[in-house]
N, C-alpha and C. Protein backbone atom coordinates (compact mmCIF):
# COMPACT_ATOMS: atom_id res chain seq x y z
N UNK A 1 0.82 -1.17 0.01
CA UNK A 1 -0.01 -0.01 -0.02
C UNK A 1 0.90 1.21 0.00
N UNK A 2 0.74 2.12 -0.97
CA UNK A 2 1.62 3.28 -1.03
C UNK A 2 1.32 4.26 0.08
N UNK A 3 2.38 4.92 0.56
CA UNK A 3 2.21 5.96 1.49
C UNK A 3 2.40 7.34 0.84
N UNK A 4 1.47 8.17 0.98
CA UNK A 4 1.53 9.51 0.36
C UNK A 4 1.63 10.61 1.37
N UNK A 5 2.53 11.60 1.17
CA UNK A 5 2.55 12.68 2.05
C UNK A 5 1.63 13.83 1.49
N UNK A 6 0.74 14.29 2.34
CA UNK A 6 -0.24 15.32 1.96
C UNK A 6 -0.08 16.53 2.90
N UNK A 7 -0.40 17.72 2.43
CA UNK A 7 -0.35 18.87 3.27
C UNK A 7 -1.78 19.38 3.48
N UNK A 8 -2.22 19.57 4.72
CA UNK A 8 -3.54 20.09 5.03
C UNK A 8 -3.35 21.19 6.10
N UNK A 9 -3.78 22.42 5.75
CA UNK A 9 -3.63 23.50 6.69
C UNK A 9 -2.22 23.76 7.12
N UNK A 10 -1.26 23.59 6.22
CA UNK A 10 0.09 23.88 6.54
C UNK A 10 0.78 22.77 7.31
N UNK A 11 0.06 21.67 7.60
CA UNK A 11 0.62 20.57 8.30
C UNK A 11 0.74 19.30 7.39
N UNK A 12 1.78 18.62 7.59
CA UNK A 12 2.09 17.47 6.68
C UNK A 12 1.60 16.18 7.37
N UNK A 13 1.02 15.29 6.54
CA UNK A 13 0.47 14.01 7.08
C UNK A 13 0.96 12.89 6.11
N UNK A 14 1.22 11.74 6.60
CA UNK A 14 1.51 10.57 5.80
C UNK A 14 0.21 9.70 5.85
N UNK A 15 -0.28 9.37 4.62
CA UNK A 15 -1.54 8.66 4.56
C UNK A 15 -1.27 7.47 3.51
N UNK A 16 -1.86 6.36 3.83
CA UNK A 16 -1.79 5.18 3.02
C UNK A 16 -3.04 5.10 2.18
N UNK A 17 -2.87 4.59 0.99
CA UNK A 17 -4.04 4.39 0.10
C UNK A 17 -3.81 3.13 -0.77
N UNK A 18 -4.86 2.72 -1.45
CA UNK A 18 -4.77 1.61 -2.37
C UNK A 18 -3.85 2.02 -3.58
N UNK A 19 -3.18 1.05 -4.16
CA UNK A 19 -2.40 1.31 -5.37
C UNK A 19 -3.25 1.82 -6.49
N UNK A 20 -2.82 2.85 -7.18
CA UNK A 20 -3.60 3.46 -8.26
C UNK A 20 -4.58 4.54 -7.82
N UNK A 21 -4.75 4.76 -6.49
CA UNK A 21 -5.69 5.74 -6.00
C UNK A 21 -4.94 7.00 -5.47
N UNK A 22 -3.65 7.08 -5.76
CA UNK A 22 -2.91 8.21 -5.25
C UNK A 22 -3.46 9.53 -5.81
N UNK A 23 -3.81 9.53 -7.03
CA UNK A 23 -4.39 10.80 -7.61
C UNK A 23 -5.65 11.29 -6.84
N UNK A 24 -6.52 10.34 -6.59
CA UNK A 24 -7.76 10.68 -5.87
C UNK A 24 -7.45 11.22 -4.48
N UNK A 25 -6.50 10.60 -3.81
CA UNK A 25 -6.19 11.00 -2.49
C UNK A 25 -5.58 12.45 -2.52
N UNK A 26 -4.69 12.67 -3.45
CA UNK A 26 -4.12 14.06 -3.55
C UNK A 26 -5.17 15.07 -3.85
N UNK A 27 -6.12 14.73 -4.74
CA UNK A 27 -7.25 15.59 -5.05
C UNK A 27 -8.08 15.97 -3.82
N UNK A 28 -8.40 14.89 -3.10
CA UNK A 28 -9.19 15.07 -1.85
C UNK A 28 -8.48 15.90 -0.80
N UNK A 29 -7.11 15.62 -0.67
CA UNK A 29 -6.33 16.36 0.28
C UNK A 29 -6.25 17.83 -0.20
N UNK A 30 -6.17 18.07 -1.47
CA UNK A 30 -6.14 19.43 -1.93
C UNK A 30 -7.41 20.24 -1.61
N UNK A 31 -8.55 19.54 -1.73
CA UNK A 31 -9.87 20.13 -1.34
C UNK A 31 -9.86 20.47 0.15
N UNK A 32 -9.43 19.48 0.94
CA UNK A 32 -9.41 19.70 2.40
C UNK A 32 -8.46 20.78 2.78
N UNK A 33 -7.39 20.83 2.12
CA UNK A 33 -6.39 21.92 2.40
C UNK A 33 -6.99 23.32 2.02
N UNK A 34 -7.66 23.40 0.93
CA UNK A 34 -8.31 24.64 0.58
C UNK A 34 -9.32 25.13 1.67
N UNK A 35 -10.13 24.20 2.18
CA UNK A 35 -11.08 24.53 3.18
C UNK A 35 -10.31 24.90 4.48
N UNK A 36 -9.29 24.25 4.82
CA UNK A 36 -8.58 24.56 6.04
C UNK A 36 -7.87 25.90 5.94
N UNK A 37 -7.45 26.26 4.71
CA UNK A 37 -6.80 27.57 4.46
C UNK A 37 -7.86 28.64 4.71
N UNK A 38 -9.08 28.45 4.27
CA UNK A 38 -10.16 29.41 4.50
C UNK A 38 -10.34 29.62 6.00
N UNK A 39 -10.41 28.46 6.74
CA UNK A 39 -10.56 28.54 8.21
C UNK A 39 -9.39 29.28 8.84
N UNK A 40 -8.17 28.90 8.44
CA UNK A 40 -7.04 29.62 9.05
C UNK A 40 -7.03 31.06 8.80
N UNK A 41 -7.44 31.47 7.58
CA UNK A 41 -7.46 32.93 7.28
C UNK A 41 -8.56 33.62 8.15
N UNK A 42 -9.66 32.93 8.41
CA UNK A 42 -10.80 33.62 9.08
C UNK A 42 -10.62 33.58 10.64
N UNK A 43 -10.16 32.39 11.17
CA UNK A 43 -10.19 32.22 12.56
C UNK A 43 -8.70 32.24 13.14
N UNK A 44 -7.75 31.91 12.40
CA UNK A 44 -6.38 31.84 12.87
C UNK A 44 -6.00 30.37 13.06
N UNK A 45 -4.98 30.19 13.84
CA UNK A 45 -4.46 28.83 14.08
C UNK A 45 -5.42 28.08 14.95
N UNK A 46 -5.66 26.84 14.57
CA UNK A 46 -6.63 25.95 15.31
C UNK A 46 -5.89 24.70 15.64
N UNK A 47 -6.32 23.96 16.69
CA UNK A 47 -5.80 22.72 16.91
C UNK A 47 -6.07 21.79 15.69
N UNK A 48 -5.15 20.86 15.44
CA UNK A 48 -5.23 20.02 14.27
C UNK A 48 -6.59 19.29 14.15
N UNK A 49 -7.04 18.67 15.22
CA UNK A 49 -8.32 17.93 15.17
C UNK A 49 -9.49 18.86 14.81
N UNK A 50 -9.49 20.10 15.43
CA UNK A 50 -10.52 21.06 15.23
C UNK A 50 -10.54 21.53 13.75
N UNK A 51 -9.32 21.79 13.20
CA UNK A 51 -9.17 22.25 11.88
C UNK A 51 -9.73 21.17 10.90
N UNK A 52 -9.36 19.98 11.14
CA UNK A 52 -9.79 18.87 10.25
C UNK A 52 -11.25 18.66 10.37
N UNK A 53 -11.79 18.72 11.54
CA UNK A 53 -13.22 18.51 11.73
C UNK A 53 -13.97 19.66 11.02
N UNK A 54 -13.59 20.92 11.23
CA UNK A 54 -14.31 21.98 10.60
C UNK A 54 -14.16 21.99 9.05
N UNK A 55 -12.98 21.65 8.52
CA UNK A 55 -12.81 21.55 7.10
C UNK A 55 -13.61 20.45 6.56
N UNK A 56 -13.70 19.29 7.27
CA UNK A 56 -14.49 18.20 6.77
C UNK A 56 -15.98 18.58 6.76
N UNK A 57 -16.41 19.29 7.76
CA UNK A 57 -17.85 19.74 7.81
C UNK A 57 -18.12 20.73 6.67
N UNK A 58 -17.20 21.59 6.42
CA UNK A 58 -17.40 22.53 5.30
C UNK A 58 -17.47 21.73 3.97
N UNK A 59 -16.68 20.76 3.73
CA UNK A 59 -16.73 20.00 2.49
C UNK A 59 -17.99 19.21 2.46
N UNK A 60 -18.42 18.63 3.68
CA UNK A 60 -19.69 17.82 3.71
C UNK A 60 -20.88 18.74 3.35
N UNK A 61 -20.87 19.98 3.80
CA UNK A 61 -21.92 20.99 3.47
C UNK A 61 -21.96 21.25 2.01
N UNK A 62 -20.79 21.41 1.37
CA UNK A 62 -20.81 21.68 -0.06
C UNK A 62 -21.26 20.41 -0.81
N UNK A 63 -20.86 19.25 -0.36
CA UNK A 63 -21.31 17.97 -0.97
C UNK A 63 -22.79 17.85 -0.87
N UNK A 64 -23.34 18.15 0.31
CA UNK A 64 -24.78 18.02 0.47
C UNK A 64 -25.52 18.94 -0.51
N UNK A 65 -25.00 20.24 -0.67
CA UNK A 65 -25.60 21.11 -1.60
C UNK A 65 -25.58 20.60 -3.05
N UNK A 66 -24.42 20.05 -3.41
CA UNK A 66 -24.23 19.48 -4.78
C UNK A 66 -25.20 18.27 -4.97
N UNK A 67 -25.31 17.46 -3.94
CA UNK A 67 -26.21 16.31 -4.06
C UNK A 67 -27.63 16.74 -4.21
N UNK A 68 -28.04 17.83 -3.54
CA UNK A 68 -29.43 18.39 -3.67
C UNK A 68 -29.64 18.90 -5.08
N UNK A 69 -28.62 19.61 -5.62
CA UNK A 69 -28.71 20.11 -7.00
C UNK A 69 -28.83 18.90 -7.96
N UNK A 70 -27.98 17.89 -7.73
CA UNK A 70 -28.04 16.82 -8.59
C UNK A 70 -29.41 16.10 -8.55
N UNK A 71 -30.00 15.96 -7.35
CA UNK A 71 -31.35 15.38 -7.23
C UNK A 71 -32.34 16.14 -7.98
N UNK A 72 -32.29 17.50 -7.90
CA UNK A 72 -33.25 18.36 -8.57
C UNK A 72 -33.04 18.24 -10.08
N UNK A 73 -31.79 18.18 -10.58
CA UNK A 73 -31.57 18.03 -12.01
C UNK A 73 -31.97 16.65 -12.51
N UNK A 74 -31.79 15.64 -11.68
CA UNK A 74 -32.27 14.29 -12.06
C UNK A 74 -33.80 14.24 -12.21
N UNK A 75 -34.46 14.98 -11.29
CA UNK A 75 -35.92 14.97 -11.37
C UNK A 75 -36.38 15.72 -12.64
N UNK A 76 -35.78 16.87 -12.92
CA UNK A 76 -36.02 17.56 -14.18
C UNK A 76 -35.77 16.71 -15.39
N UNK A 77 -34.65 16.04 -15.40
CA UNK A 77 -34.31 15.11 -16.51
C UNK A 77 -35.32 14.06 -16.63
N UNK A 78 -35.80 13.45 -15.55
CA UNK A 78 -36.83 12.37 -15.66
C UNK A 78 -38.08 12.94 -16.13
N UNK A 79 -38.52 14.17 -15.77
CA UNK A 79 -39.70 14.77 -16.27
C UNK A 79 -39.57 15.02 -17.82
N UNK A 80 -38.43 15.48 -18.19
CA UNK A 80 -38.23 15.77 -19.64
C UNK A 80 -38.26 14.43 -20.45
N UNK A 81 -37.62 13.38 -19.85
CA UNK A 81 -37.63 12.11 -20.53
C UNK A 81 -39.09 11.57 -20.63
N UNK A 82 -39.89 11.73 -19.56
CA UNK A 82 -41.23 11.28 -19.62
C UNK A 82 -41.98 12.08 -20.70
N UNK A 83 -41.73 13.38 -20.85
CA UNK A 83 -42.41 14.13 -21.90
C UNK A 83 -41.96 13.67 -23.26
N UNK A 84 -40.72 13.36 -23.44
CA UNK A 84 -40.20 12.84 -24.75
C UNK A 84 -40.85 11.55 -25.01
N UNK A 85 -40.96 10.68 -24.05
CA UNK A 85 -41.55 9.35 -24.29
C UNK A 85 -43.09 9.54 -24.67
N UNK A 86 -43.77 10.46 -24.03
CA UNK A 86 -45.16 10.68 -24.30
C UNK A 86 -45.32 11.22 -25.72
N UNK A 87 -44.48 12.17 -26.13
CA UNK A 87 -44.51 12.71 -27.48
C UNK A 87 -44.29 11.60 -28.56
N UNK A 88 -43.26 10.76 -28.21
CA UNK A 88 -42.92 9.67 -29.19
C UNK A 88 -44.08 8.67 -29.30
N UNK A 89 -44.81 8.45 -28.22
CA UNK A 89 -45.80 7.42 -28.18
C UNK A 89 -47.16 7.96 -28.64
N UNK A 90 -47.30 9.22 -28.95
CA UNK A 90 -48.58 9.76 -29.43
C UNK A 90 -48.82 9.22 -30.79
N UNK A 91 -50.12 8.97 -31.15
CA UNK A 91 -50.45 8.53 -32.46
C UNK A 91 -50.06 9.68 -33.50
N UNK A 92 -49.66 9.21 -34.70
CA UNK A 92 -49.36 10.17 -35.70
C UNK A 92 -50.60 10.84 -36.11
N UNK A 93 -50.48 12.18 -36.38
CA UNK A 93 -51.66 13.01 -36.75
C UNK A 93 -52.17 12.49 -38.14
N UNK A 94 -53.53 12.68 -38.28
CA UNK A 94 -54.09 12.33 -39.56
C UNK A 94 -53.56 13.22 -40.67
N UNK A 95 -53.24 12.69 -41.83
CA UNK A 95 -52.76 13.51 -42.92
C UNK A 95 -53.86 14.56 -43.24
N UNK A 96 -53.49 15.77 -43.54
CA UNK A 96 -54.45 16.79 -43.91
C UNK A 96 -54.62 16.82 -45.40
N UNK A 97 -55.84 17.07 -45.83
CA UNK A 97 -56.06 17.16 -47.28
C UNK A 97 -55.88 18.59 -47.68
N UNK A 98 -55.02 18.78 -48.66
CA UNK A 98 -54.73 20.09 -49.16
C UNK A 98 -55.34 20.18 -50.58
N UNK A 99 -56.14 21.17 -50.77
CA UNK A 99 -56.76 21.35 -52.13
C UNK A 99 -56.03 22.43 -52.85
N UNK A 100 -55.58 22.14 -54.06
CA UNK A 100 -54.86 23.03 -54.86
C UNK A 100 -55.78 23.49 -56.00
N UNK A 101 -56.01 24.82 -56.16
CA UNK A 101 -56.86 25.23 -57.23
C UNK A 101 -56.37 24.80 -58.64
N UNK A 102 -57.28 24.39 -59.44
CA UNK A 102 -56.92 23.89 -60.75
C UNK A 102 -57.53 24.85 -61.77
N UNK A 103 -56.72 25.27 -62.72
CA UNK A 103 -57.24 26.12 -63.81
C UNK A 103 -58.03 25.28 -64.78
N UNK A 104 -59.32 25.69 -65.06
CA UNK A 104 -60.10 24.87 -65.98
C UNK A 104 -59.48 24.77 -67.37
N UNK A 105 -59.68 23.65 -68.03
CA UNK A 105 -59.03 23.42 -69.33
C UNK A 105 -59.59 24.42 -70.36
N UNK A 106 -60.86 24.90 -70.25
CA UNK A 106 -61.39 25.87 -71.18
C UNK A 106 -60.62 27.18 -71.09
N UNK A 107 -60.32 27.61 -69.83
CA UNK A 107 -59.58 28.83 -69.72
C UNK A 107 -58.13 28.71 -70.25
N UNK A 108 -57.50 27.57 -70.07
CA UNK A 108 -56.16 27.33 -70.57
C UNK A 108 -56.19 27.40 -72.16
N UNK A 109 -57.21 26.81 -72.78
CA UNK A 109 -57.36 26.87 -74.22
C UNK A 109 -57.53 28.24 -74.71
N UNK A 110 -58.38 29.01 -74.01
CA UNK A 110 -58.63 30.36 -74.43
C UNK A 110 -57.38 31.24 -74.31
N UNK A 111 -56.62 31.00 -73.21
CA UNK A 111 -55.41 31.79 -73.07
C UNK A 111 -54.37 31.45 -74.16
N UNK A 112 -54.30 30.16 -74.52
CA UNK A 112 -53.39 29.73 -75.62
C UNK A 112 -53.82 30.37 -76.95
N UNK A 113 -55.13 30.44 -77.18
CA UNK A 113 -55.59 31.10 -78.35
C UNK A 113 -55.30 32.58 -78.46
N UNK A 114 -55.48 33.27 -77.28
CA UNK A 114 -55.16 34.71 -77.24
C UNK A 114 -53.64 34.90 -77.49
N UNK A 115 -52.84 34.05 -76.90
CA UNK A 115 -51.37 34.18 -77.08
C UNK A 115 -50.98 33.94 -78.50
N UNK A 116 -51.62 33.02 -79.24
CA UNK A 116 -51.32 32.76 -80.62
C UNK A 116 -51.68 33.96 -81.49
N UNK A 117 -52.90 34.55 -81.18
CA UNK A 117 -53.32 35.71 -81.89
C UNK A 117 -52.32 36.93 -81.70
N UNK A 118 -51.94 37.12 -80.44
CA UNK A 118 -50.97 38.21 -80.12
C UNK A 118 -49.69 37.98 -80.85
N UNK A 119 -49.22 36.77 -81.00
CA UNK A 119 -47.98 36.54 -81.69
C UNK A 119 -48.16 36.73 -83.16
N UNK A 120 -49.33 36.40 -83.68
CA UNK A 120 -49.60 36.62 -85.13
C UNK A 120 -49.63 38.07 -85.42
N UNK A 121 -50.32 38.93 -84.54
CA UNK A 121 -50.38 40.38 -84.77
C UNK A 121 -48.92 40.97 -84.75
N UNK A 122 -48.13 40.45 -83.76
CA UNK A 122 -46.77 41.04 -83.60
C UNK A 122 -45.97 40.63 -84.87
N UNK A 123 -46.17 39.51 -85.39
CA UNK A 123 -45.42 39.10 -86.67
C UNK A 123 -45.90 39.99 -87.84
N UNK A 124 -47.21 40.27 -87.86
CA UNK A 124 -47.73 41.09 -89.00
C UNK A 124 -47.16 42.44 -88.93
N UNK A 125 -47.07 43.00 -87.68
CA UNK A 125 -46.57 44.39 -87.51
C UNK A 125 -45.11 44.40 -87.84
N UNK A 126 -44.33 43.42 -87.50
CA UNK A 126 -42.90 43.38 -87.84
C UNK A 126 -42.71 43.32 -89.34
N UNK A 127 -43.59 42.63 -90.10
CA UNK A 127 -43.49 42.48 -91.54
C UNK A 127 -43.77 43.82 -92.16
N UNK A 128 -44.77 44.58 -91.69
CA UNK A 128 -45.09 45.88 -92.25
C UNK A 128 -43.99 46.87 -91.95
N UNK A 129 -43.42 46.76 -90.78
CA UNK A 129 -42.38 47.67 -90.38
C UNK A 129 -41.12 47.38 -91.20
N UNK A 130 -40.86 46.20 -91.57
CA UNK A 130 -39.64 45.81 -92.28
C UNK A 130 -39.87 46.13 -93.81
N UNK A 131 -41.07 46.08 -94.26
CA UNK A 131 -41.34 46.16 -95.73
C UNK A 131 -41.69 47.47 -96.25
């Protein structure tokens, strides 16, 4: 079991941990050291046991707050997932019938006839103008 030296509140401690968990121990010690530094700056020098107790309690308070936030977010996530599931399970809407206006064939024929006459008149005018 590796022995790691950590510093908390300006005091050095030797702590044993499982192999491969050294990084986690150092991270935890760093958090505890940060809390003890806050205490030392606010209160001054404390007995070791009091400093560790207060620092631990401050970290526990932060952890409790984060757990509450996580619970709230998990509840919101579950509600959103329920809503998504409800929307996915809804029956598909009935297709809507869309009516597109159709131009009657008689009108199309009449317009084609008018266009042909206009082209014929334009050609006759061009012939007179050229001749």
